[in-house]
């Protein structure tokens, strides 16, 4: 019996309890994103923020490849105004991914390039296979440029020096180099990546959800250069929560806390 494989470009989500598993899939173009795929990614990000059930979001590409940027076929009729509109639109979509209140774990395999690298930079924790490659080679390929917001995100995650070197030379970073730079949390072999993902997810599920959300909120404020913001609202929310009092009680009673996210 012949099996029909549906290779339609898409970003899908599989909800398994408190974990949402998001997959970028466009196998004919190494998971490069079409306009429709960008919209689906934004819709999923917004849905995650509106859900009370999700605790962790896992983002990965299909078929052992993360994402090879934007589908270049869509650029054939571009002019300057279209380029500006495109960068603003992608910035809005990535802003929604950044605003997801729960931890986002990116699973990096194979090429993580172009807009795919910026998407990865919007994840909170990255795990990678040893063959992963991270870069933005536009200086030698398309001859375009990334938006200031995307460049700032890369500077925040990789540092100014590595970001400039990557953009000017078009040389990609290996998984080991990305880990050394602090961009990638952990690196493992291809046959162990699924086990590593589950280990990271289980660790996040065992942690206090309000604390994780507060860490993300503070990180976003610092990324906006709001260092003078005392973030009293964030601190008050966490210290005033039932989870904090449960954590203190559990510590004193020498037992595991039972987090409720309240």
C-alpha atoms as a PDB file:
ATOM      1  CA  UNK A   1       0.000   0.000   0.000  1.00  0.00           C
ATOM      2  CA  UNK A   2       1.381   3.414  -0.939  1.00  0.00           C
ATOM      3  CA  UNK A   3       1.475   6.025   1.814  1.00  0.00           C
ATOM      4  CA  UNK A   4       0.800   9.608   0.815  1.00  0.00           C
ATOM      5  CA  UNK A   5       3.056  12.051   2.638  1.00  0.00           C
ATOM      6  CA  UNK A   6       1.665  15.537   3.145  1.00  0.00           C
ATOM      7  CA  UNK A   7       4.587  17.941   2.781  1.00  0.00           C
ATOM      8  CA  UNK A   8       2.509  21.118   3.010  1.00  0.00           C
ATOM      9  CA  UNK A   9       4.424  23.889   4.842  1.00  0.00           C
ATOM     10  CA  UNK A  10       3.021  24.334   8.349  1.00  0.00           C
ATOM     11  CA  UNK A  11       3.661  25.040  12.001  1.00  0.00           C
ATOM     12  CA  UNK A  12       1.648  22.711  14.190  1.00  0.00           C
ATOM     13  CA  UNK A  13       1.167  22.153  17.898  1.00  0.00           C
ATOM     14  CA  UNK A  14       0.579  18.921  19.779  1.00  0.00           C
ATOM     15  CA  UNK A  15      -0.782  19.419  23.284  1.00  0.00           C
ATOM     16  CA  UNK A  16       0.205  16.720  25.762  1.00  0.00           C
ATOM     17  CA  UNK A  17      -0.936  17.710  29.225  1.00  0.00           C
ATOM     18  CA  UNK A  18       0.983  20.767  30.360  1.00  0.00           C
ATOM     19  CA  UNK A  19       3.485  20.538  27.480  1.00  0.00           C
ATOM     20  CA  UNK A  20       2.854  22.039  24.035  1.00  0.00           C
ATOM     21  CA  UNK A  21       5.111  20.608  21.317  1.00  0.00           C
ATOM     22  CA  UNK A  22       5.385  22.944  18.334  1.00  0.00           C
ATOM     23  CA  UNK A  23       6.845  21.707  15.054  1.00  0.00           C
ATOM     24  CA  UNK A  24       8.115  23.790  12.119  1.00  0.00           C
ATOM     25  CA  UNK A  25       7.711  21.752   8.934  1.00  0.00           C
ATOM     26  CA  UNK A  26       8.563  22.591   5.328  1.00  0.00           C
ATOM     27  CA  UNK A  27      10.697  19.609   4.286  1.00  0.00           C
ATOM     28  CA  UNK A  28      11.145  20.686   0.666  1.00  0.00           C
ATOM     29  CA  UNK A  29      12.967  23.840   1.863  1.00  0.00           C
ATOM     30  CA  UNK A  30      14.730  22.702   5.056  1.00  0.00           C
ATOM     31  CA  UNK A  31      11.841  24.080   7.133  1.00  0.00           C
ATOM     32  CA  UNK A  32      12.152  27.603   5.760  1.00  0.00           C
ATOM     33  CA  UNK A  33       9.127  29.602   6.866  1.00  0.00           C
ATOM     34  CA  UNK A  34       6.410  30.830   4.519  1.00  0.00           C
ATOM     35  CA  UNK A  35       4.125  33.754   5.378  1.00  0.00           C
ATOM     36  CA  UNK A  36       1.460  31.269   6.423  1.00  0.00           C
ATOM     37  CA  UNK A  37       3.899  29.462   8.720  1.00  0.00           C
ATOM     38  CA  UNK A  38       4.859  32.738  10.393  1.00  0.00           C
ATOM     39  CA  UNK A  39       1.179  33.413  11.023  1.00  0.00           C
ATOM     40  CA  UNK A  40       0.703  29.947  12.525  1.00  0.00           C
ATOM     41  CA  UNK A  41       3.692  30.480  14.816  1.00  0.00           C
ATOM     42  CA  UNK A  42       2.215  33.769  16.002  1.00  0.00           C
ATOM     43  CA  UNK A  43      -1.207  32.181  16.546  1.00  0.00           C
ATOM     44  CA  UNK A  44       0.336  29.408  18.654  1.00  0.00           C
ATOM     45  CA  UNK A  45       2.357  31.878  20.727  1.00  0.00           C
ATOM     46  CA  UNK A  46      -0.746  33.909  21.481  1.00  0.00           C
ATOM     47  CA  UNK A  47      -2.794  30.811  22.266  1.00  0.00           C
ATOM     48  CA  UNK A  48      -0.127  29.631  24.718  1.00  0.00           C
ATOM     49  CA  UNK A  49      -0.288  32.962  26.516  1.00  0.00           C
ATOM     50  CA  UNK A  50      -4.075  32.715  26.745  1.00  0.00           C
ATOM     51  CA  UNK A  51      -4.002  29.163  28.141  1.00  0.00           C
ATOM     52  CA  UNK A  52      -4.006  28.352  31.853  1.00  0.00           C
ATOM     53  CA  UNK A  53      -2.947  24.756  31.198  1.00  0.00           C
ATOM     54  CA  UNK A  54       0.402  25.046  29.404  1.00  0.00           C
ATOM     55  CA  UNK A  55       3.576  24.924  31.519  1.00  0.00           C
ATOM     56  CA  UNK A  56       6.281  24.363  28.891  1.00  0.00           C
ATOM     57  CA  UNK A  57       6.447  24.976  25.144  1.00  0.00           C
ATOM     58  CA  UNK A  58       8.900  22.901  23.064  1.00  0.00           C
ATOM     59  CA  UNK A  59       9.808  24.274  19.615  1.00  0.00           C
ATOM     60  CA  UNK A  60      11.625  22.172  17.036  1.00  0.00           C
ATOM     61  CA  UNK A  61      11.858  21.535  13.317  1.00  0.00           C
ATOM     62  CA  UNK A  62      10.727  18.421  11.499  1.00  0.00           C
ATOM     63  CA  UNK A  63      13.119  15.864  10.063  1.00  0.00           C
ATOM     64  CA  UNK A  64      16.274  16.737  11.974  1.00  0.00           C
ATOM     65  CA  UNK A  65      16.442  20.372  10.799  1.00  0.00           C
ATOM     66  CA  UNK A  66      15.425  23.381  12.893  1.00  0.00           C
ATOM     67  CA  UNK A  67      14.727  26.128  10.344  1.00  0.00           C
ATOM     68  CA  UNK A  68      16.585  27.575   7.371  1.00  0.00           C
ATOM     69  CA  UNK A  69      15.184  31.084   7.705  1.00  0.00           C
ATOM     70  CA  UNK A  70      12.432  32.534   5.525  1.00  0.00           C
ATOM     71  CA  UNK A  71      11.378  30.835   2.298  1.00  0.00           C
ATOM     72  CA  UNK A  72      13.405  32.840  -0.238  1.00  0.00           C
ATOM     73  CA  UNK A  73      10.890  32.273  -3.040  1.00  0.00           C
ATOM     74  CA  UNK A  74       8.744  34.904  -1.380  1.00  0.00           C
ATOM     75  CA  UNK A  75      11.373  37.635  -1.902  1.00  0.00           C
ATOM     76  CA  UNK A  76      11.379  37.697  -5.715  1.00  0.00           C
ATOM     77  CA  UNK A  77       9.220  40.838  -6.065  1.00  0.00           C
ATOM     78  CA  UNK A  78      10.537  42.697  -3.013  1.00  0.00           C
ATOM     79  CA  UNK A  79      11.523  46.349  -2.970  1.00  0.00           C
ATOM     80  CA  UNK A  80      12.673  48.612  -0.125  1.00  0.00           C
ATOM     81  CA  UNK A  81       9.190  49.199   1.271  1.00  0.00           C
ATOM     82  CA  UNK A  82       8.384  45.495   1.175  1.00  0.00           C
ATOM     83  CA  UNK A  83      11.615  44.784   3.033  1.00  0.00           C
ATOM     84  CA  UNK A  84      10.692  47.215   5.789  1.00  0.00           C
ATOM     85  CA  UNK A  85       7.184  45.745   6.080  1.00  0.00           C
ATOM     86  CA  UNK A  86       8.627  42.214   6.199  1.00  0.00           C
ATOM     87  CA  UNK A  87      11.096  43.000   8.979  1.00  0.00           C
ATOM     88  CA  UNK A  88       8.403  44.781  11.005  1.00  0.00           C
ATOM     89  CA  UNK A  89       6.038  41.822  10.596  1.00  0.00           C
ATOM     90  CA  UNK A  90       8.660  39.259  11.609  1.00  0.00           C
ATOM     91  CA  UNK A  91       9.574  41.459  14.569  1.00  0.00           C
ATOM     92  CA  UNK A  92       5.947  41.463  15.710  1.00  0.00           C
ATOM     93  CA  UNK A  93       5.729  37.661  15.429  1.00  0.00           C
ATOM     94  CA  UNK A  94       8.981  37.139  17.320  1.00  0.00           C
ATOM     95  CA  UNK A  95       7.786  39.608  19.939  1.00  0.00           C
ATOM     96  CA  UNK A  96       4.805  37.352  20.567  1.00  0.00           C
ATOM     97  CA  UNK A  97       7.107  34.340  20.897  1.00  0.00           C
ATOM     98  CA  UNK A  98       9.253  36.268  23.371  1.00  0.00           C
ATOM     99  CA  UNK A  99       6.178  37.219  25.374  1.00  0.00           C
ATOM    100  CA  UNK A 100       5.073  33.619  25.982  1.00  0.00           C
ATOM    101  CA  UNK A 101       4.844  33.484  29.777  1.00  0.00           C
ATOM    102  CA  UNK A 102       6.039  29.873  30.141  1.00  0.00           C
ATOM    103  CA  UNK A 103       9.539  28.542  29.358  1.00  0.00           C
ATOM    104  CA  UNK A 104      10.162  27.913  25.655  1.00  0.00           C
ATOM    105  CA  UNK A 105      12.660  25.141  24.890  1.00  0.00           C
ATOM    106  CA  UNK A 106      14.186  25.224  21.407  1.00  0.00           C
ATOM    107  CA  UNK A 107      15.515  21.966  19.955  1.00  0.00           C
ATOM    108  CA  UNK A 108      18.282  22.810  17.482  1.00  0.00           C
ATOM    109  CA  UNK A 109      19.247  20.196  14.896  1.00  0.00           C
ATOM    110  CA  UNK A 110      21.014  20.761  11.590  1.00  0.00           C
ATOM    111  CA  UNK A 111      20.794  24.276  10.113  1.00  0.00           C
ATOM    112  CA  UNK A 112      19.630  27.038  12.475  1.00  0.00           C
ATOM    113  CA  UNK A 113      20.123  29.954  10.110  1.00  0.00           C
ATOM    114  CA  UNK A 114      18.721  33.294   9.079  1.00  0.00           C
ATOM    115  CA  UNK A 115      15.351  33.972  10.651  1.00  0.00           C
ATOM    116  CA  UNK A 116      15.624  30.472  12.124  1.00  0.00           C
ATOM    117  CA  UNK A 117      18.514  31.682  14.264  1.00  0.00           C
ATOM    118  CA  UNK A 118      16.515  34.669  15.488  1.00  0.00           C
ATOM    119  CA  UNK A 119      13.589  32.361  16.315  1.00  0.00           C
ATOM    120  CA  UNK A 120      16.002  30.184  18.307  1.00  0.00           C
ATOM    121  CA  UNK A 121      17.288  33.303  20.089  1.00  0.00           C
ATOM    122  CA  UNK A 122      13.721  33.983  21.227  1.00  0.00           C
ATOM    123  CA  UNK A 123      13.604  30.628  23.036  1.00  0.00           C
ATOM    124  CA  UNK A 124      14.566  30.576  26.705  1.00  0.00           C
ATOM    125  CA  UNK A 125      16.616  27.379  26.689  1.00  0.00           C
ATOM    126  CA  UNK A 126      18.268  25.765  23.685  1.00  0.00           C
ATOM    127  CA  UNK A 127      19.403  22.173  23.426  1.00  0.00           C
ATOM    128  CA  UNK A 128      21.269  21.074  20.326  1.00  0.00           C
ATOM    129  CA  UNK A 129      22.693  18.122  18.501  1.00  0.00           C
ATOM    130  CA  UNK A 130      26.399  18.050  17.768  1.00  0.00           C
ATOM    131  CA  UNK A 131      25.767  18.682  14.045  1.00  0.00           C
ATOM    132  CA  UNK A 132      23.769  21.888  14.564  1.00  0.00           C
ATOM    133  CA  UNK A 133      25.063  25.007  12.788  1.00  0.00           C
ATOM    134  CA  UNK A 134      24.088  28.549  13.795  1.00  0.00           C
ATOM    135  CA  UNK A 135      24.441  31.526  11.500  1.00  0.00           C
ATOM    136  CA  UNK A 136      23.106  34.332   9.322  1.00  0.00           C
ATOM    137  CA  UNK A 137      24.961  34.128   5.985  1.00  0.00           C
ATOM    138  CA  UNK A 138      23.084  36.940   4.205  1.00  0.00           C
ATOM    139  CA  UNK A 139      26.298  38.889   3.493  1.00  0.00           C
ATOM    140  CA  UNK A 140      27.295  36.080   1.105  1.00  0.00           C
ATOM    141  CA  UNK A 141      23.884  34.877  -0.049  1.00  0.00           C
ATOM    142  CA  UNK A 142      20.912  37.252  -0.315  1.00  0.00           C
ATOM    143  CA  UNK A 143      22.577  40.564   0.380  1.00  0.00           C
ATOM    144  CA  UNK A 144      19.810  41.713   2.710  1.00  0.00           C
ATOM    145  CA  UNK A 145      20.052  42.827   6.327  1.00  0.00           C
ATOM    146  CA  UNK A 146      18.349  41.888   9.578  1.00  0.00           C
ATOM    147  CA  UNK A 147      16.205  44.329  11.538  1.00  0.00           C
ATOM    148  CA  UNK A 148      17.628  46.200  14.537  1.00  0.00           C
ATOM    149  CA  UNK A 149      15.323  44.283  16.892  1.00  0.00           C
ATOM    150  CA  UNK A 150      16.649  40.959  15.596  1.00  0.00           C
ATOM    151  CA  UNK A 151      20.232  42.154  15.820  1.00  0.00           C
ATOM    152  CA  UNK A 152      19.672  43.340  19.392  1.00  0.00           C
ATOM    153  CA  UNK A 153      18.255  39.958  20.385  1.00  0.00           C
ATOM    154  CA  UNK A 154      21.345  38.230  18.970  1.00  0.00           C
ATOM    155  CA  UNK A 155      23.613  40.698  20.776  1.00  0.00           C
ATOM    156  CA  UNK A 156      21.791  39.961  24.029  1.00  0.00           C
ATOM    157  CA  UNK A 157      22.189  36.213  23.588  1.00  0.00           C
ATOM    158  CA  UNK A 158      25.536  35.896  21.800  1.00  0.00           C
ATOM    159  CA  UNK A 159      27.283  39.117  22.762  1.00  0.00           C
ATOM    160  CA  UNK A 160      28.191  42.066  20.506  1.00  0.00           C
ATOM    161  CA  UNK A 161      31.500  40.634  19.310  1.00  0.00           C
ATOM    162  CA  UNK A 162      30.219  37.252  18.183  1.00  0.00           C
ATOM    163  CA  UNK A 163      27.148  38.816  16.605  1.00  0.00           C
ATOM    164  CA  UNK A 164      29.224  41.248  14.547  1.00  0.00           C
ATOM    165  CA  UNK A 165      31.661  38.539  13.498  1.00  0.00           C
ATOM    166  CA  UNK A 166      28.830  36.255  12.448  1.00  0.00           C
ATOM    167  CA  UNK A 167      27.068  38.919  10.406  1.00  0.00           C
ATOM    168  CA  UNK A 168      30.215  40.334   8.770  1.00  0.00           C
ATOM    169  CA  UNK A 169      31.945  37.049   7.920  1.00  0.00           C
ATOM    170  CA  UNK A 170      28.846  34.882   7.345  1.00  0.00           C
ATOM    171  CA  UNK A 171      30.696  32.137   9.208  1.00  0.00           C
ATOM    172  CA  UNK A 172      28.376  29.865  11.214  1.00  0.00           C
ATOM    173  CA  UNK A 173      28.976  28.744  14.773  1.00  0.00           C
ATOM    174  CA  UNK A 174      29.193  25.069  15.580  1.00  0.00           C
ATOM    175  CA  UNK A 175      27.095  23.623  18.384  1.00  0.00           C
ATOM    176  CA  UNK A 176      30.176  23.540  20.612  1.00  0.00           C
ATOM    177  CA  UNK A 177      30.936  27.208  19.886  1.00  0.00           C
ATOM    178  CA  UNK A 178      27.311  28.178  20.512  1.00  0.00           C
ATOM    179  CA  UNK A 179      27.410  26.380  23.851  1.00  0.00           C
ATOM    180  CA  UNK A 180      30.703  28.053  24.777  1.00  0.00           C
ATOM    181  CA  UNK A 181      29.080  31.413  23.990  1.00  0.00           C
ATOM    182  CA  UNK A 182      26.234  30.621  26.365  1.00  0.00           C
ATOM    183  CA  UNK A 183      23.709  30.591  23.526  1.00  0.00           C
ATOM    184  CA  UNK A 184      23.006  26.856  23.812  1.00  0.00           C
ATOM    185  CA  UNK A 185      22.244  25.268  27.168  1.00  0.00           C
ATOM    186  CA  UNK A 186      23.331  21.691  26.402  1.00  0.00           C
ATOM    187  CA  UNK A 187      24.642  19.691  23.433  1.00  0.00           C
ATOM    188  CA  UNK A 188      24.266  15.975  22.834  1.00  0.00           C
ATOM    189  CA  UNK A 189      24.367  13.369  20.079  1.00  0.00           C
ATOM    190  CA  UNK A 190      21.519  12.917  17.604  1.00  0.00           C
ATOM    191  CA  UNK A 191      20.410   9.653  19.179  1.00  0.00           C
ATOM    192  CA  UNK A 192      20.227  11.243  22.648  1.00  0.00           C
ATOM    193  CA  UNK A 193      18.474  14.523  21.795  1.00  0.00           C
ATOM    194  CA  UNK A 194      14.952  13.299  22.574  1.00  0.00           C
ATOM    195  CA  UNK A 195      16.023  12.027  25.992  1.00  0.00           C
ATOM    196  CA  UNK A 196      17.724  15.362  26.712  1.00  0.00           C
ATOM    197  CA  UNK A 197      14.599  17.294  25.718  1.00  0.00           C
ATOM    198  CA  UNK A 198      12.493  15.222  28.108  1.00  0.00           C
ATOM    199  CA  UNK A 199      15.023  15.711  30.903  1.00  0.00           C
ATOM    200  CA  UNK A 200      14.898  19.485  30.470  1.00  0.00           C
ATOM    201  CA  UNK A 201      11.092  19.507  30.227  1.00  0.00           C
ATOM    202  CA  UNK A 202      10.680  17.396  33.355  1.00  0.00           C
ATOM    203  CA  UNK A 203      12.992  19.715  35.258  1.00  0.00           C
ATOM    204  CA  UNK A 204      10.905  22.729  34.244  1.00  0.00           C
ATOM    205  CA  UNK A 205       7.660  20.992  35.150  1.00  0.00           C
ATOM    206  CA  UNK A 206       9.069  20.292  38.617  1.00  0.00           C
ATOM    207  CA  UNK A 207       9.822  23.994  39.178  1.00  0.00           C
ATOM    208  CA  UNK A 208       7.590  26.735  40.593  1.00  0.00           C
ATOM    209  CA  UNK A 209       5.644  28.137  37.609  1.00  0.00           C
ATOM    210  CA  UNK A 210       5.281  31.644  39.043  1.00  0.00           C
ATOM    211  CA  UNK A 211       9.028  31.847  39.633  1.00  0.00           C
ATOM    212  CA  UNK A 212       9.733  30.794  36.029  1.00  0.00           C
ATOM    213  CA  UNK A 213       7.210  33.327  34.712  1.00  0.00           C
ATOM    214  CA  UNK A 214       8.767  36.052  36.874  1.00  0.00           C
ATOM    215  CA  UNK A 215      12.263  35.240  35.572  1.00  0.00           C
ATOM    216  CA  UNK A 216      10.968  35.584  32.002  1.00  0.00           C
ATOM    217  CA  UNK A 217       9.221  38.862  32.810  1.00  0.00           C
ATOM    218  CA  UNK A 218      12.363  40.326  34.385  1.00  0.00           C
ATOM    219  CA  UNK A 219      14.504  39.181  31.470  1.00  0.00           C
ATOM    220  CA  UNK A 220      12.178  40.930  29.006  1.00  0.00           C
ATOM    221  CA  UNK A 221      12.347  44.158  31.000  1.00  0.00           C
ATOM    222  CA  UNK A 222      16.134  44.039  31.113  1.00  0.00           C
ATOM    223  CA  UNK A 223      16.238  43.356  27.370  1.00  0.00           C
ATOM    224  CA  UNK A 224      14.248  46.572  26.902  1.00  0.00           C
ATOM    225  CA  UNK A 225      16.970  48.292  28.908  1.00  0.00           C
ATOM    226  CA  UNK A 226      14.602  48.899  31.836  1.00  0.00           C
ATOM    227  CA  UNK A 227      17.355  48.337  34.403  1.00  0.00           C
ATOM    228  CA  UNK A 228      16.020  51.184  36.547  1.00  0.00           C
ATOM    229  CA  UNK A 229      12.639  49.461  36.835  1.00  0.00           C
ATOM    230  CA  UNK A 230      12.496  47.897  40.326  1.00  0.00           C
ATOM    231  CA  UNK A 231       9.834  45.456  39.063  1.00  0.00           C
ATOM    232  CA  UNK A 232       7.990  45.671  42.366  1.00  0.00           C
ATOM    233  CA  UNK A 233       4.861  44.242  40.730  1.00  0.00           C
ATOM    234  CA  UNK A 234       6.731  41.066  39.747  1.00  0.00           C
ATOM    235  CA  UNK A 235       8.356  40.654  43.161  1.00  0.00           C
ATOM    236  CA  UNK A 236       5.078  41.346  44.990  1.00  0.00           C
ATOM    237  CA  UNK A 237       3.202  38.819  42.867  1.00  0.00           C
ATOM    238  CA  UNK A 238       5.671  36.020  43.588  1.00  0.00           C
ATOM    239  CA  UNK A 239       6.186  36.692  47.304  1.00  0.00           C
ATOM    240  CA  UNK A 240       2.448  37.096  47.789  1.00  0.00           C
ATOM    241  CA  UNK A 241       1.582  33.835  46.065  1.00  0.00           C
ATOM    242  CA  UNK A 242       0.293  30.625  47.596  1.00  0.00           C
ATOM    243  CA  UNK A 243       3.161  28.823  45.845  1.00  0.00           C
ATOM    244  CA  UNK A 244       5.773  30.836  47.743  1.00  0.00           C
ATOM    245  CA  UNK A 245       4.152  30.008  51.079  1.00  0.00           C
ATOM    246  CA  UNK A 246       3.906  26.372  50.016  1.00  0.00           C
ATOM    247  CA  UNK A 247       7.603  26.392  49.131  1.00  0.00           C
ATOM    248  CA  UNK A 248       8.579  27.802  52.532  1.00  0.00           C
ATOM    249  CA  UNK A 249       6.347  25.314  54.361  1.00  0.00           C
ATOM    250  CA  UNK A 250       7.635  22.387  52.330  1.00  0.00           C
ATOM    251  CA  UNK A 251      11.240  23.422  52.953  1.00  0.00           C
ATOM    252  CA  UNK A 252      10.664  23.601  56.714  1.00  0.00           C
ATOM    253  CA  UNK A 253       8.809  20.280  56.675  1.00  0.00           C
ATOM    254  CA  UNK A 254      11.530  18.701  54.483  1.00  0.00           C
ATOM    255  CA  UNK A 255       9.200  17.559  51.726  1.00  0.00           C
ATOM    256  CA  UNK A 256       8.684  18.306  48.036  1.00  0.00           C
ATOM    257  CA  UNK A 257       6.531  21.383  47.334  1.00  0.00           C
ATOM    258  CA  UNK A 258       3.279  20.951  45.454  1.00  0.00           C
ATOM    259  CA  UNK A 259       3.144  23.844  43.001  1.00  0.00           C
ATOM    260  CA  UNK A 260      -0.257  25.171  41.892  1.00  0.00           C
ATOM    261  CA  UNK A 261       0.762  28.237  39.934  1.00  0.00           C
ATOM    262  CA  UNK A 262      -1.220  30.489  42.279  1.00  0.00           C
END
